Protein backbone atom coordinates (compact mmCIF):
# COMPACT_ATOMS: atom_id res chain seq x y z
CA UNK A 1 113.10 110.50 51.94
CA UNK A 2 116.51 111.20 53.56
CA UNK A 3 116.03 115.04 53.21
CA UNK A 4 112.91 114.86 55.12
CA UNK A 5 114.44 112.96 57.83
CA UNK A 6 117.44 115.41 58.24
CA UNK A 7 114.79 118.20 58.29
CA UNK A 8 112.92 116.44 61.16
CA UNK A 9 116.01 115.86 63.02
CA UNK A 10 117.26 119.44 62.82
CA UNK A 11 113.41 120.50 63.80
CA UNK A 12 113.67 118.16 66.94
CA UNK A 13 117.15 119.59 68.06
CA UNK A 14 115.95 123.20 67.61
CA UNK A 15 112.64 122.64 69.39
CA UNK A 16 114.60 120.84 72.58
CA UNK A 17 117.30 123.18 72.55
CA UNK A 18 114.81 126.17 73.18
CA UNK A 19 113.13 124.24 76.23
CA UNK A 20 114.72 124.93 79.43
CA UNK A 21 115.66 122.03 82.04
CA UNK A 22 113.19 121.88 84.64
CA UNK A 23 113.34 123.49 87.77
CA UNK A 24 112.21 122.35 91.19
CA UNK A 25 110.86 123.88 94.44
CA UNK A 26 111.10 122.17 97.75
CA UNK A 27 107.63 120.92 99.05
CA UNK A 28 108.16 118.73 102.20
CA UNK A 29 109.91 116.34 103.87
CA UNK A 30 107.68 112.82 104.62
CA UNK A 31 109.04 111.09 107.52
CA UNK A 32 107.62 107.45 107.53
CA UNK A 33 107.86 105.28 110.55
CA UNK A 34 107.89 101.55 109.71
CA UNK A 35 107.78 98.05 110.79
CA UNK A 36 110.12 95.28 110.10
CA UNK A 37 109.75 93.94 106.32
CA UNK A 38 107.35 91.07 106.03
CA UNK A 39 109.14 88.92 103.43
CA UNK A 40 107.25 87.23 101.25
CA UNK A 41 110.10 85.46 99.34
CA UNK A 42 111.55 84.23 96.16
CA UNK A 43 109.05 84.96 93.53
CA UNK A 44 109.19 85.15 89.49
CA UNK A 45 110.29 88.82 89.89
CA UNK A 46 112.55 88.66 92.86
CA UNK A 47 112.49 88.76 96.65
CA UNK A 48 108.90 90.27 97.50
CA UNK A 49 108.70 92.10 100.89
CA UNK A 50 106.09 94.05 102.53
CA UNK A 51 107.07 96.92 104.89
CA UNK A 52 104.21 98.00 106.79
CA UNK A 53 103.81 101.95 107.47
CA UNK A 54 102.99 102.88 111.09
CA UNK A 55 102.97 106.41 110.77
CA UNK A 56 105.14 109.54 110.54
CA UNK A 57 104.96 113.45 109.80
CA UNK A 58 104.73 115.72 107.00
CA UNK A 59 106.55 118.98 107.35
CA UNK A 60 106.99 121.71 104.50
CA UNK A 61 106.41 125.15 103.89
CA UNK A 62 102.68 124.97 102.81
CA UNK A 63 101.42 121.55 104.16
CA UNK A 64 102.04 120.00 107.50
CA UNK A 65 100.45 116.80 108.56
CA UNK A 66 100.59 113.60 110.00
CA UNK A 67 101.18 109.94 108.21
CA UNK A 68 98.30 107.63 108.95
CA UNK A 69 98.72 103.64 110.07
CA UNK A 70 97.51 101.35 107.54
CA UNK A 71 99.70 101.85 104.29
CA UNK A 72 102.71 99.95 103.16
CA UNK A 73 105.62 99.45 100.85
CA UNK A 74 105.56 96.82 98.36
CA UNK A 75 108.76 95.92 97.54
CA UNK A 76 110.62 93.96 94.92
CA UNK A 77 114.61 93.17 95.31
CA UNK A 78 114.97 91.95 91.73
CA UNK A 79 118.25 89.63 90.75
CA UNK A 80 120.55 92.78 89.71
CA UNK A 81 120.25 93.84 93.58
CA UNK A 82 117.90 96.87 92.47
CA UNK A 83 114.99 97.39 94.98
CA UNK A 84 111.87 98.57 93.17
CA UNK A 85 109.59 100.42 95.44
CA UNK A 86 105.74 101.12 95.11
CA UNK A 87 104.55 102.61 98.48
CA UNK A 88 100.68 103.52 98.94
CA UNK A 89 99.82 105.38 102.48
CA UNK A 90 97.69 108.61 103.70
CA UNK A 91 98.37 111.57 105.85
CA UNK A 92 96.20 113.73 107.63
CA UNK A 93 97.12 117.55 107.21
CA UNK A 94 96.89 119.82 110.26
CA UNK A 95 93.58 121.38 109.18
CA UNK A 96 91.92 117.60 108.88
CA UNK A 97 92.13 116.75 105.11
CA UNK A 98 93.22 113.42 103.98
CA UNK A 99 95.68 113.33 101.09
CA UNK A 100 96.48 109.91 99.67
CA UNK A 101 99.96 109.27 98.29
CA UNK A 102 101.54 106.49 95.75
CA UNK A 103 105.09 106.61 95.77
CA UNK A 104 107.14 104.62 93.04
CA UNK A 105 110.74 104.22 92.45
CA UNK A 106 114.17 102.43 93.09
CA UNK A 107 117.03 102.05 95.71
CA UNK A 108 120.26 100.77 94.71
CA UNK A 109 123.17 100.05 96.87
CA UNK A 110 126.13 98.12 96.59
CA UNK A 111 125.66 94.58 98.73
CA UNK A 112 127.82 96.02 101.29
CA UNK A 113 125.69 99.14 101.94
CA UNK A 114 122.30 96.98 101.12
CA UNK A 115 123.29 94.91 104.08
CA UNK A 116 124.06 97.97 106.54
CA UNK A 117 120.93 99.35 105.46
CA UNK A 118 118.84 95.89 106.17
CA UNK A 119 120.71 95.81 109.61
CA UNK A 120 119.33 99.25 110.60
CA UNK A 121 122.87 100.87 110.79
CA UNK A 122 123.06 104.53 109.56
CA UNK A 123 124.46 104.94 106.36
CA UNK A 124 125.31 108.14 104.52
CA UNK A 125 122.55 108.65 101.75
CA UNK A 126 125.21 109.66 99.40
CA UNK A 127 126.08 105.92 99.55
CA UNK A 128 123.10 104.73 97.61
CA UNK A 129 120.48 105.93 95.36
CA UNK A 130 116.96 106.35 96.50
CA UNK A 131 114.85 107.93 93.74
CA UNK A 132 110.93 108.11 93.47
CA UNK A 133 107.90 109.88 91.60
CA UNK A 134 105.22 110.73 94.14
CA UNK A 135 101.82 111.03 93.07
CA UNK A 136 99.38 113.02 95.68
CA UNK A 137 95.61 112.71 95.50
CA UNK A 138 94.01 115.39 97.56
CA UNK A 139 90.32 116.78 97.78
CA UNK A 140 89.65 119.51 95.86
CA UNK A 141 90.04 122.76 97.50
CA UNK A 142 93.14 123.97 99.55
CA UNK A 143 95.32 121.16 98.61
CA UNK A 144 94.12 120.74 95.12
CA UNK A 145 97.74 122.03 93.94
CA UNK A 146 98.82 118.62 95.15
CA UNK A 147 96.98 116.81 92.13
CA UNK A 148 98.20 119.29 89.29
CA UNK A 149 102.04 118.73 89.29
CA UNK A 150 104.77 116.14 89.17
CA UNK A 151 107.14 115.46 92.50
CA UNK A 152 110.14 113.64 92.56
CA UNK A 153 111.76 112.72 95.76
CA UNK A 154 115.03 111.63 97.14
CA UNK A 155 114.87 108.85 99.99
CA UNK A 156 116.93 108.53 103.16
CA UNK A 157 116.81 105.07 104.62
CA UNK A 158 116.88 105.08 108.52
CA UNK A 159 116.69 102.10 110.97
CA UNK A 160 112.75 102.32 111.89
CA UNK A 161 112.02 104.80 109.25
CA UNK A 162 112.22 106.58 105.82
CA UNK A 163 112.59 110.14 105.03
CA UNK A 164 111.12 111.32 101.58
CA UNK A 165 112.38 114.73 100.46
CA UNK A 166 109.86 116.12 98.09
CA UNK A 167 110.07 118.67 95.31
CA UNK A 168 107.75 119.99 92.86
CA UNK A 169 108.88 120.21 89.27
CA UNK A 170 108.03 123.57 87.44
């Protein structure tokens, strides 16, 4: 048994050593305009907030469009200060296709930086951690490529908007 475990561990090390680290390709920046948060209050999971999405823009190399009114970011601020993010919204491409977005991740900031963000102060995005995984649901056709990849994002919180910088994992 001991020999089998050694063999298995050695095989796993060889197999993972041959896989390159994933590369990324920039896709777009989504500027999401938001309304002030609706605070549900303390729940069993933390402080629940709902941030209405009012609109915005999508600007990229192969895709551009307008974020449509009607989505929201359902946030939970945990007791350890981490903000869990789950945003769902949609945008209309320049040529009229509707694309649905589901974006989930976390934002971590010190209490001082979190207070500045909450006040709408401009904060250097390197002062906090804001990462998400974005899933597109696009119609089959020109934008079907959005349905067939994994996308990771860096976020930047501004006074009345959020900039989501989107990369495709290759």
